[in-house]
């Protein structure tokens, strides 16, 4: 999507501090952190919201969980929260699926 900030980050048109990246997803710090460690995990595929998941996307979402966990372990985090905000009414501000990892 041409106006999606996360698509621009995923395509490297907008710089970000990349903590992890593979062919399916990317993890980077939130620019407005709500915790000492506040990372966003995004799929490189543009999916506006969890509501818009299609058959087959469950493996992509599972991959996002796995890579977020792996990064948390490698950074020595003992506990953390994982959160999806779904739709504007659910607090989603950027209409591209993203998972928040929050830890102090």
PDB file of N, CA and C in Angstrom:
ATOM      1  N   UNK A   1       0.849  -1.177   0.000  1.00  0.00           N
ATOM      2  CA  UNK A   1       0.000   0.000   0.000  1.00  0.00           C
ATOM      3  C   UNK A   1       0.894   1.240   0.000  1.00  0.00           C
ATOM      4  N   UNK A   2       0.641   2.148  -0.901  1.00  0.00           N
ATOM      5  CA  UNK A   2       1.521   3.299  -1.078  1.00  0.00           C
ATOM      6  C   UNK A   2       1.504   4.267   0.100  1.00  0.00           C
ATOM      7  N   UNK A   3       0.427   4.291   0.882  1.00  0.00           N
ATOM      8  CA  UNK A   3       0.348   5.233   1.993  1.00  0.00           C
ATOM      9  C   UNK A   3       0.567   4.563   3.356  1.00  0.00           C
ATOM     10  N   UNK A   4       0.985   3.318   3.372  1.00  0.00           N
ATOM     11  CA  UNK A   4       1.164   2.570   4.617  1.00  0.00           C
ATOM     12  C   UNK A   4       2.591   2.733   5.129  1.00  0.00           C
ATOM     13  N   UNK A   5       2.728   3.333   6.298  1.00  0.00           N
ATOM     14  CA  UNK A   5       4.063   3.582   6.861  1.00  0.00           C
ATOM     15  C   UNK A   5       4.817   2.275   7.113  1.00  0.00           C
ATOM     16  N   UNK A   6       4.116   1.225   7.551  1.00  0.00           N
ATOM     17  CA  UNK A   6       4.806  -0.036   7.813  1.00  0.00           C
ATOM     18  C   UNK A   6       5.257  -0.712   6.520  1.00  0.00           C
ATOM     19  N   UNK A   7       4.511  -0.555   5.444  1.00  0.00           N
ATOM     20  CA  UNK A   7       4.968  -1.073   4.145  1.00  0.00           C
ATOM     21  C   UNK A   7       6.214  -0.322   3.696  1.00  0.00           C
ATOM     22  N   UNK A   8       6.258   0.981   3.947  1.00  0.00           N
ATOM     23  CA  UNK A   8       7.441   1.772   3.585  1.00  0.00           C
ATOM     24  C   UNK A   8       8.654   1.352   4.427  1.00  0.00           C
ATOM     25  N   UNK A   9       8.432   1.039   5.698  1.00  0.00           N
ATOM     26  CA  UNK A   9       9.528   0.550   6.546  1.00  0.00           C
ATOM     27  C   UNK A   9       9.988  -0.820   6.053  1.00  0.00           C
ATOM     28  N   UNK A  10       9.039  -1.718   5.755  1.00  0.00           N
ATOM     29  CA  UNK A  10       9.381  -3.063   5.299  1.00  0.00           C
ATOM     30  C   UNK A  10      10.158  -3.048   3.990  1.00  0.00           C
ATOM     31  N   UNK A  11       9.864  -2.065   3.124  1.00  0.00           N
ATOM     32  CA  UNK A  11      10.574  -1.973   1.840  1.00  0.00           C
ATOM     33  C   UNK A  11      11.820  -1.094   1.926  1.00  0.00           C
ATOM     34  N   UNK A  12      12.146  -0.641   3.152  1.00  0.00           N
ATOM     35  CA  UNK A  12      13.342   0.161   3.429  1.00  0.00           C
ATOM     36  C   UNK A  12      13.276   1.561   2.806  1.00  0.00           C
ATOM     37  N   UNK A  13      12.082   2.017   2.475  1.00  0.00           N
ATOM     38  CA  UNK A  13      11.915   3.392   1.983  1.00  0.00           C
ATOM     39  C   UNK A  13      11.953   4.385   3.142  1.00  0.00           C
ATOM     40  N   UNK A  14      11.606   3.926   4.338  1.00  0.00           N
ATOM     41  CA  UNK A  14      11.689   4.725   5.560  1.00  0.00           C
ATOM     42  C   UNK A  14      12.636   3.985   6.491  1.00  0.00           C
ATOM     43  N   UNK A  15      13.649   4.675   7.027  1.00  0.00           N
ATOM     44  CA  UNK A  15      14.600   3.983   7.901  1.00  0.00           C
ATOM     45  C   UNK A  15      13.983   3.613   9.245  1.00  0.00           C
ATOM     46  N   UNK A  16      14.464   2.528   9.788  1.00  0.00           N
ATOM     47  CA  UNK A  16      14.078   2.071  11.122  1.00  0.00           C
ATOM     48  C   UNK A  16      15.240   1.276  11.691  1.00  0.00           C
ATOM     49  N   UNK A  17      15.288   1.186  12.997  1.00  0.00           N
ATOM     50  CA  UNK A  17      16.285   0.358  13.666  1.00  0.00           C
ATOM     51  C   UNK A  17      15.741  -1.063  13.682  1.00  0.00           C
ATOM     52  N   UNK A  18      16.236  -1.887  12.795  1.00  0.00           N
ATOM     53  CA  UNK A  18      15.729  -3.243  12.638  1.00  0.00           C
ATOM     54  C   UNK A  18      16.392  -4.160  13.666  1.00  0.00           C
ATOM     55  N   UNK A  19      15.580  -4.767  14.511  1.00  0.00           N
ATOM     56  CA  UNK A  19      16.072  -5.709  15.514  1.00  0.00           C
ATOM     57  C   UNK A  19      16.109  -7.131  14.965  1.00  0.00           C
ATOM     58  N   UNK A  20      15.205  -7.427  14.030  1.00  0.00           N
ATOM     59  CA  UNK A  20      15.149  -8.729  13.387  1.00  0.00           C
ATOM     60  C   UNK A  20      14.448  -8.562  12.039  1.00  0.00           C
ATOM     61  N   UNK A  21      14.890  -9.349  11.064  1.00  0.00           N
ATOM     62  CA  UNK A  21      14.228  -9.335   9.765  1.00  0.00           C
ATOM     63  C   UNK A  21      14.465 -10.659   9.056  1.00  0.00           C
ATOM     64  N   UNK A  22      13.428 -11.152   8.401  1.00  0.00           N
ATOM     65  CA  UNK A  22      13.547 -12.275   7.483  1.00  0.00           C
ATOM     66  C   UNK A  22      12.622 -11.997   6.306  1.00  0.00           C
ATOM     67  N   UNK A  23      12.356 -12.994   5.490  1.00  0.00           N
ATOM     68  CA  UNK A  23      11.541 -12.756   4.297  1.00  0.00           C
ATOM     69  C   UNK A  23      10.057 -12.558   4.606  1.00  0.00           C
ATOM     70  N   UNK A  24       9.618 -12.886   5.832  1.00  0.00           N
ATOM     71  CA  UNK A  24       8.204 -12.782   6.185  1.00  0.00           C
ATOM     72  C   UNK A  24       7.858 -11.640   7.120  1.00  0.00           C
ATOM     73  N   UNK A  25       8.792 -11.283   8.013  1.00  0.00           N
ATOM     74  CA  UNK A  25       8.454 -10.274   9.015  1.00  0.00           C
ATOM     75  C   UNK A  25       9.669  -9.445   9.406  1.00  0.00           C
ATOM     76  N   UNK A  26       9.388  -8.439  10.212  1.00  0.00           N
ATOM     77  CA  UNK A  26      10.410  -7.502  10.658  1.00  0.00           C
ATOM     78  C   UNK A  26      10.032  -7.050  12.073  1.00  0.00           C
ATOM     79  N   UNK A  27      11.039  -6.833  12.906  1.00  0.00           N
ATOM     80  CA  UNK A  27      10.821  -6.337  14.270  1.00  0.00           C
ATOM     81  C   UNK A  27      11.665  -5.094  14.465  1.00  0.00           C
ATOM     82  N   UNK A  28      11.040  -4.044  15.008  1.00  0.00           N
ATOM     83  CA  UNK A  28      11.741  -2.784  15.250  1.00  0.00           C
ATOM     84  C   UNK A  28      11.103  -2.082  16.446  1.00  0.00           C
ATOM     85  N   UNK A  29      11.837  -1.164  17.102  1.00  0.00           N
ATOM     86  CA  UNK A  29      11.285  -0.454  18.252  1.00  0.00           C
ATOM     87  C   UNK A  29      10.136   0.477  17.838  1.00  0.00           C
ATOM     88  N   UNK A  30       9.150   0.593  18.718  1.00  0.00           N
ATOM     89  CA  UNK A  30       8.057   1.542  18.518  1.00  0.00           C
ATOM     90  C   UNK A  30       8.616   2.953  18.693  1.00  0.00           C
ATOM     91  N   UNK A  31       8.199   3.886  17.839  1.00  0.00           N
ATOM     92  CA  UNK A  31       8.723   5.259  17.949  1.00  0.00           C
ATOM     93  C   UNK A  31       8.107   6.019  19.124  1.00  0.00           C
ATOM     94  N   UNK A  32       7.016   5.526  19.674  1.00  0.00           N
ATOM     95  CA  UNK A  32       6.390   6.104  20.865  1.00  0.00           C
ATOM     96  C   UNK A  32       6.257   5.016  21.922  1.00  0.00           C
ATOM     97  N   UNK A  33       7.378   4.589  22.518  1.00  0.00           N
ATOM     98  CA  UNK A  33       7.340   3.434  23.416  1.00  0.00           C
ATOM     99  C   UNK A  33       6.486   3.664  24.658  1.00  0.00           C
ATOM    100  N   UNK A  34       5.788   2.599  25.035  1.00  0.00           N
ATOM    101  CA  UNK A  34       4.961   2.590  26.244  1.00  0.00           C
ATOM    102  C   UNK A  34       5.612   1.752  27.347  1.00  0.00           C
ATOM    103  N   UNK A  35       6.806   1.245  27.084  1.00  0.00           N
ATOM    104  CA  UNK A  35       7.566   0.442  28.042  1.00  0.00           C
ATOM    105  C   UNK A  35       9.041   0.564  27.671  1.00  0.00           C
ATOM    106  N   UNK A  36       9.921   0.146  28.593  1.00  0.00           N
ATOM    107  CA  UNK A  36      11.363   0.195  28.332  1.00  0.00           C
ATOM    108  C   UNK A  36      11.702  -0.537  27.027  1.00  0.00           C
ATOM    109  N   UNK A  37      11.105  -1.689  26.852  1.00  0.00           N
ATOM    110  CA  UNK A  37      11.235  -2.446  25.602  1.00  0.00           C
ATOM    111  C   UNK A  37       9.854  -2.484  24.964  1.00  0.00           C
ATOM    112  N   UNK A  38       9.686  -1.788  23.865  1.00  0.00           N
ATOM    113  CA  UNK A  38       8.416  -1.774  23.134  1.00  0.00           C
ATOM    114  C   UNK A  38       8.753  -1.952  21.670  1.00  0.00           C
ATOM    115  N   UNK A  39       8.537  -3.172  21.189  1.00  0.00           N
ATOM    116  CA  UNK A  39       8.879  -3.523  19.816  1.00  0.00           C
ATOM    117  C   UNK A  39       7.625  -3.824  19.023  1.00  0.00           C
ATOM    118  N   UNK A  40       7.690  -3.573  17.745  1.00  0.00           N
ATOM    119  CA  UNK A  40       6.605  -3.923  16.840  1.00  0.00           C
ATOM    120  C   UNK A  40       7.083  -5.034  15.918  1.00  0.00           C
ATOM    121  N   UNK A  41       6.280  -6.058  15.777  1.00  0.00           N
ATOM    122  CA  UNK A  41       6.535  -7.122  14.815  1.00  0.00           C
ATOM    123  C   UNK A  41       5.485  -6.981  13.730  1.00  0.00           C
ATOM    124  N   UNK A  42       5.951  -6.805  12.496  1.00  0.00           N
ATOM    125  CA  UNK A  42       5.032  -6.625  11.369  1.00  0.00           C
ATOM    126  C   UNK A  42       5.284  -7.697  10.307  1.00  0.00           C
ATOM    127  N   UNK A  43       4.229  -8.125   9.632  1.00  0.00           N
ATOM    128  CA  UNK A  43       4.455  -8.970   8.465  1.00  0.00           C
ATOM    129  C   UNK A  43       4.859  -8.072   7.300  1.00  0.00           C
ATOM    130  N   UNK A  44       5.667  -8.588   6.410  1.00  0.00           N
ATOM    131  CA  UNK A  44       6.005  -7.798   5.219  1.00  0.00           C
ATOM    132  C   UNK A  44       4.820  -7.735   4.256  1.00  0.00           C
ATOM    133  N   UNK A  45       3.965  -8.727   4.327  1.00  0.00           N
ATOM    134  CA  UNK A  45       2.728  -8.725   3.540  1.00  0.00           C
ATOM    135  C   UNK A  45       1.771  -7.699   4.144  1.00  0.00           C
ATOM    136  N   UNK A  46       1.197  -6.857   3.325  1.00  0.00           N
ATOM    137  CA  UNK A  46       0.240  -5.875   3.843  1.00  0.00           C
ATOM    138  C   UNK A  46      -1.094  -6.555   4.130  1.00  0.00           C
ATOM    139  N   UNK A  47      -1.442  -6.562   5.405  1.00  0.00           N
ATOM    140  CA  UNK A  47      -2.748  -7.024   5.870  1.00  0.00           C
ATOM    141  C   UNK A  47      -3.252  -5.890   6.763  1.00  0.00           C
ATOM    142  N   UNK A  48      -4.365  -5.247   6.427  1.00  0.00           N
ATOM    143  CA  UNK A  48      -4.799  -4.083   7.195  1.00  0.00           C
ATOM    144  C   UNK A  48      -5.033  -4.348   8.686  1.00  0.00           C
ATOM    145  N   UNK A  49      -5.680  -5.450   9.034  1.00  0.00           N
ATOM    146  CA  UNK A  49      -6.016  -5.726  10.429  1.00  0.00           C
ATOM    147  C   UNK A  49      -6.221  -7.225  10.609  1.00  0.00           C
ATOM    148  N   UNK A  50      -6.248  -7.680  11.835  1.00  0.00           N
ATOM    149  CA  UNK A  50      -6.513  -9.084  12.132  1.00  0.00           C
ATOM    150  C   UNK A  50      -7.839  -9.507  11.488  1.00  0.00           C
ATOM    151  N   UNK A  51      -8.780  -8.597  11.431  1.00  0.00           N
ATOM    152  CA  UNK A  51     -10.082  -8.872  10.819  1.00  0.00           C
ATOM    153  C   UNK A  51      -9.917  -9.309   9.363  1.00  0.00           C
ATOM    154  N   UNK A  52      -8.861  -8.848   8.711  1.00  0.00           N
ATOM    155  CA  UNK A  52      -8.644  -9.090   7.289  1.00  0.00           C
ATOM    156  C   UNK A  52      -7.785 -10.312   6.983  1.00  0.00           C
ATOM    157  N   UNK A  53      -7.451 -11.115   8.001  1.00  0.00           N
ATOM    158  CA  UNK A  53      -6.643 -12.304   7.747  1.00  0.00           C
ATOM    159  C   UNK A  53      -7.362 -13.234   6.776  1.00  0.00           C
ATOM    160  N   UNK A  54      -6.581 -13.841   5.896  1.00  0.00           N
ATOM    161  CA  UNK A  54      -7.110 -14.793   4.921  1.00  0.00           C
ATOM    162  C   UNK A  54      -6.615 -16.194   5.272  1.00  0.00           C
ATOM    163  N   UNK A  55      -7.249 -17.196   4.683  1.00  0.00           N
ATOM    164  CA  UNK A  55      -6.813 -18.578   4.887  1.00  0.00           C
ATOM    165  C   UNK A  55      -5.325 -18.669   4.527  1.00  0.00           C
ATOM    166  N   UNK A  56      -4.556 -19.259   5.384  1.00  0.00           N
ATOM    167  CA  UNK A  56      -3.118 -19.389   5.172  1.00  0.00           C
ATOM    168  C   UNK A  56      -2.308 -18.371   5.965  1.00  0.00           C
ATOM    169  N   UNK A  57      -2.931 -17.273   6.376  1.00  0.00           N
ATOM    170  CA  UNK A  57      -2.206 -16.248   7.133  1.00  0.00           C
ATOM    171  C   UNK A  57      -1.887 -16.688   8.555  1.00  0.00           C
ATOM    172  N   UNK A  58      -2.533 -17.767   9.030  1.00  0.00           N
ATOM    173  CA  UNK A  58      -2.265 -18.209  10.398  1.00  0.00           C
ATOM    174  C   UNK A  58      -0.800 -18.619  10.566  1.00  0.00           C
ATOM    175  N   UNK A  59      -0.178 -19.152   9.535  1.00  0.00           N
ATOM    176  CA  UNK A  59       1.238 -19.515   9.646  1.00  0.00           C
ATOM    177  C   UNK A  59       2.116 -18.266   9.731  1.00  0.00           C
ATOM    178  N   UNK A  60       1.722 -17.206   9.053  1.00  0.00           N
ATOM    179  CA  UNK A  60       2.456 -15.941   9.131  1.00  0.00           C
ATOM    180  C   UNK A  60       2.357 -15.346  10.534  1.00  0.00           C
ATOM    181  N   UNK A  61       1.155 -15.356  11.109  1.00  0.00           N
ATOM    182  CA  UNK A  61       0.968 -14.825  12.469  1.00  0.00           C
ATOM    183  C   UNK A  61       1.739 -15.685  13.469  1.00  0.00           C
ATOM    184  N   UNK A  62       1.716 -16.997  13.298  1.00  0.00           N
ATOM    185  CA  UNK A  62       2.503 -17.880  14.165  1.00  0.00           C
ATOM    186  C   UNK A  62       3.992 -17.602  14.059  1.00  0.00           C
ATOM    187  N   UNK A  63       4.455 -17.322  12.851  1.00  0.00           N
ATOM    188  CA  UNK A  63       5.859 -16.976  12.626  1.00  0.00           C
ATOM    189  C   UNK A  63       6.216 -15.687  13.376  1.00  0.00           C
ATOM    190  N   UNK A  64       5.305 -14.717  13.365  1.00  0.00           N
ATOM    191  CA  UNK A  64       5.542 -13.461  14.078  1.00  0.00           C
ATOM    192  C   UNK A  64       5.693 -13.720  15.585  1.00  0.00           C
ATOM    193  N   UNK A  65       4.841 -14.567  16.145  1.00  0.00           N
ATOM    194  CA  UNK A  65       4.955 -14.926  17.565  1.00  0.00           C
ATOM    195  C   UNK A  65       6.300 -15.595  17.840  1.00  0.00           C
ATOM    196  N   UNK A  66       6.670 -16.546  17.002  1.00  0.00           N
ATOM    197  CA  UNK A  66       7.912 -17.285  17.189  1.00  0.00           C
ATOM    198  C   UNK A  66       9.128 -16.359  17.158  1.00  0.00           C
ATOM    199  N   UNK A  67       9.192 -15.467  16.197  1.00  0.00           N
ATOM    200  CA  UNK A  67      10.346 -14.580  16.070  1.00  0.00           C
ATOM    201  C   UNK A  67      10.383 -13.539  17.184  1.00  0.00           C
ATOM    202  N   UNK A  68       9.224 -13.091  17.631  1.00  0.00           N
ATOM    203  CA  UNK A  68       9.183 -12.164  18.772  1.00  0.00           C
ATOM    204  C   UNK A  68       9.699 -12.860  20.029  1.00  0.00           C
ATOM    205  N   UNK A  69       9.266 -14.095  20.239  1.00  0.00           N
ATOM    206  CA  UNK A  69       9.750 -14.879  21.382  1.00  0.00           C
ATOM    207  C   UNK A  69      11.255 -15.078  21.309  1.00  0.00           C
ATOM    208  N   UNK A  70      11.748 -15.448  20.133  1.00  0.00           N
ATOM    209  CA  UNK A  70      13.182 -15.693  19.972  1.00  0.00           C
ATOM    210  C   UNK A  70      13.995 -14.440  20.281  1.00  0.00           C
ATOM    211  N   UNK A  71      13.525 -13.287  19.813  1.00  0.00           N
ATOM    212  CA  UNK A  71      14.243 -12.039  20.072  1.00  0.00           C
ATOM    213  C   UNK A  71      14.193 -11.702  21.562  1.00  0.00           C
ATOM    214  N   UNK A  72      13.035 -11.888  22.189  1.00  0.00           N
ATOM    215  CA  UNK A  72      12.909 -11.623  23.627  1.00  0.00           C
ATOM    216  C   UNK A  72      13.879 -12.493  24.420  1.00  0.00           C
ATOM    217  N   UNK A  73      13.988 -13.756  24.069  1.00  0.00           N
ATOM    218  CA  UNK A  73      14.916 -14.666  24.739  1.00  0.00           C
ATOM    219  C   UNK A  73      16.352 -14.200  24.525  1.00  0.00           C
ATOM    220  N   UNK A  74      16.692 -13.839  23.289  1.00  0.00           N
ATOM    221  CA  UNK A  74      18.067 -13.414  22.995  1.00  0.00           C
ATOM    222  C   UNK A  74      18.433 -12.115  23.706  1.00  0.00           C
ATOM    223  N   UNK A  75      17.431 -11.287  24.015  1.00  0.00           N
ATOM    224  CA  UNK A  75      17.668 -10.024  24.728  1.00  0.00           C
ATOM    225  C   UNK A  75      17.568 -10.194  26.243  1.00  0.00           C
ATOM    226  N   UNK A  76      17.292 -11.416  26.691  1.00  0.00           N
ATOM    227  CA  UNK A  76      17.253 -11.700  28.123  1.00  0.00           C
ATOM    228  C   UNK A  76      15.994 -11.232  28.839  1.00  0.00           C
ATOM    229  N   UNK A  77      14.920 -11.007  28.097  1.00  0.00           N
ATOM    230  CA  UNK A  77      13.680 -10.588  28.751  1.00  0.00           C
ATOM    231  C   UNK A  77      13.081 -11.764  29.506  1.00  0.00           C
ATOM    232  N   UNK A  78      12.703 -11.541  30.745  1.00  0.00           N
ATOM    233  CA  UNK A  78      12.147 -12.608  31.588  1.00  0.00           C
ATOM    234  C   UNK A  78      10.640 -12.734  31.426  1.00  0.00           C
ATOM    235  N   UNK A  79      10.002 -11.674  31.050  1.00  0.00           N
ATOM    236  CA  UNK A  79       8.557 -11.666  30.852  1.00  0.00           C
ATOM    237  C   UNK A  79       8.186 -10.471  29.997  1.00  0.00           C
ATOM    238  N   UNK A  80       7.061 -10.581  29.321  1.00  0.00           N
ATOM    239  CA  UNK A  80       6.634  -9.514  28.417  1.00  0.00           C
ATOM    240  C   UNK A  80       5.168  -9.707  28.062  1.00  0.00           C
ATOM    241  N   UNK A  81       4.592  -8.687  27.484  1.00  0.00           N
ATOM    242  CA  UNK A  81       3.227  -8.744  26.975  1.00  0.00           C
ATOM    243  C   UNK A  81       3.278  -8.723  25.458  1.00  0.00           C
ATOM    244  N   UNK A  82       2.399  -9.493  24.824  1.00  0.00           N
ATOM    245  CA  UNK A  82       2.211  -9.437  23.381  1.00  0.00           C
ATOM    246  C   UNK A  82       0.782  -8.960  23.147  1.00  0.00           C
ATOM    247  N   UNK A  83       0.626  -8.009  22.230  1.00  0.00           N
ATOM    248  CA  UNK A  83      -0.692  -7.394  22.048  1.00  0.00           C
ATOM    249  C   UNK A  83      -0.947  -7.032  20.598  1.00  0.00           C
ATOM    250  N   UNK A  84      -2.146  -7.365  20.131  1.00  0.00           N
ATOM    251  CA  UNK A  84      -2.660  -6.880  18.859  1.00  0.00           C
ATOM    252  C   UNK A  84      -3.822  -5.951  19.173  1.00  0.00           C
ATOM    253  N   UNK A  85      -3.840  -4.774  18.571  1.00  0.00           N
ATOM    254  CA  UNK A  85      -5.015  -3.916  18.604  1.00  0.00           C
ATOM    255  C   UNK A  85      -5.726  -4.142  17.275  1.00  0.00           C
ATOM    256  N   UNK A  86      -7.026  -4.358  17.324  1.00  0.00           N
ATOM    257  CA  UNK A  86      -7.767  -4.751  16.127  1.00  0.00           C
ATOM    258  C   UNK A  86      -8.799  -3.690  15.763  1.00  0.00           C
ATOM    259  N   UNK A  87      -8.577  -3.024  14.634  1.00  0.00           N
ATOM    260  CA  UNK A  87      -9.487  -1.988  14.154  1.00  0.00           C
ATOM    261  C   UNK A  87      -9.380  -0.707  14.965  1.00  0.00           C
ATOM    262  N   UNK A  88      -9.867   0.368  14.401  1.00  0.00           N
ATOM    263  CA  UNK A  88      -9.818   1.657  15.085  1.00  0.00           C
ATOM    264  C   UNK A  88     -10.492   1.602  16.453  1.00  0.00           C
ATOM    265  N   UNK A  89     -11.640   0.936  16.532  1.00  0.00           N
ATOM    266  CA  UNK A  89     -12.357   0.840  17.807  1.00  0.00           C
ATOM    267  C   UNK A  89     -11.572   0.047  18.845  1.00  0.00           C
ATOM    268  N   UNK A  90     -10.635  -0.785  18.396  1.00  0.00           N
ATOM    269  CA  UNK A  90      -9.788  -1.562  19.292  1.00  0.00           C
ATOM    270  C   UNK A  90      -8.449  -0.904  19.574  1.00  0.00           C
ATOM    271  N   UNK A  91      -8.278   0.330  19.118  1.00  0.00           N
ATOM    272  CA  UNK A  91      -7.051   1.074  19.390  1.00  0.00           C
ATOM    273  C   UNK A  91      -5.978   0.956  18.324  1.00  0.00           C
ATOM    274  N   UNK A  92      -6.283   0.306  17.190  1.00  0.00           N
ATOM    275  CA  UNK A  92      -5.288   0.182  16.122  1.00  0.00           C
ATOM    276  C   UNK A  92      -5.124   1.534  15.435  1.00  0.00           C
ATOM    277  N   UNK A  93      -3.883   2.038  15.406  1.00  0.00           N
ATOM    278  CA  UNK A  93      -3.600   3.348  14.819  1.00  0.00           C
ATOM    279  C   UNK A  93      -3.043   3.249  13.408  1.00  0.00           C
ATOM    280  N   UNK A  94      -2.282   2.208  13.115  1.00  0.00           N
ATOM    281  CA  UNK A  94      -1.741   1.998  11.776  1.00  0.00           C
ATOM    282  C   UNK A  94      -2.445   0.775  11.195  1.00  0.00           C
ATOM    283  N   UNK A  95      -3.054   0.953  10.048  1.00  0.00           N
ATOM    284  CA  UNK A  95      -3.837  -0.127   9.446  1.00  0.00           C
ATOM    285  C   UNK A  95      -2.945  -1.076   8.640  1.00  0.00           C
ATOM    286  N   UNK A  96      -2.073  -1.736   9.368  1.00  0.00           N
ATOM    287  CA  UNK A  96      -1.197  -2.811   8.888  1.00  0.00           C
ATOM    288  C   UNK A  96      -0.998  -3.670  10.125  1.00  0.00           C
ATOM    289  N   UNK A  97      -1.336  -4.945  10.038  1.00  0.00           N
ATOM    290  CA  UNK A  97      -1.205  -5.829  11.201  1.00  0.00           C
ATOM    291  C   UNK A  97       0.151  -5.617  11.857  1.00  0.00           C
ATOM    292  N   UNK A  98       0.138  -5.473  13.169  1.00  0.00           N
ATOM    293  CA  UNK A  98       1.377  -5.395  13.924  1.00  0.00           C
ATOM    294  C   UNK A  98       1.134  -5.869  15.344  1.00  0.00           C
ATOM    295  N   UNK A  99       2.140  -6.511  15.895  1.00  0.00           N
ATOM    296  CA  UNK A  99       2.076  -7.030  17.261  1.00  0.00           C
ATOM    297  C   UNK A  99       3.043  -6.242  18.127  1.00  0.00           C
ATOM    298  N   UNK A 100       2.537  -5.784  19.251  1.00  0.00           N
ATOM    299  CA  UNK A 100       3.360  -5.064  20.217  1.00  0.00           C
ATOM    300  C   UNK A 100       3.977  -6.068  21.187  1.00  0.00           C
ATOM    301  N   UNK A 101       5.259  -5.920  21.476  1.00  0.00           N
ATOM    302  CA  UNK A 101       5.909  -6.611  22.580  1.00  0.00           C
ATOM    303  C   UNK A 101       6.309  -5.534  23.559  1.00  0.00           C
ATOM    304  N   UNK A 102       5.833  -5.666  24.795  1.00  0.00           N
ATOM    305  CA  UNK A 102       6.119  -4.677  25.830  1.00  0.00           C
ATOM    306  C   UNK A 102       6.741  -5.346  27.047  1.00  0.00           C
ATOM    307  N   UNK A 103       7.856  -4.796  27.512  1.00  0.00           N
ATOM    308  CA  UNK A 103       8.533  -5.337  28.693  1.00  0.00           C
ATOM    309  C   UNK A 103       9.331  -4.221  29.367  1.00  0.00           C
ATOM    310  N   UNK A 104       9.328  -4.256  30.681  1.00  0.00           N
ATOM    311  CA  UNK A 104      10.140  -3.293  31.450  1.00  0.00           C
ATOM    312  C   UNK A 104      11.430  -3.914  31.897  1.00  0.00           C
TER     313      UNK A 104
END
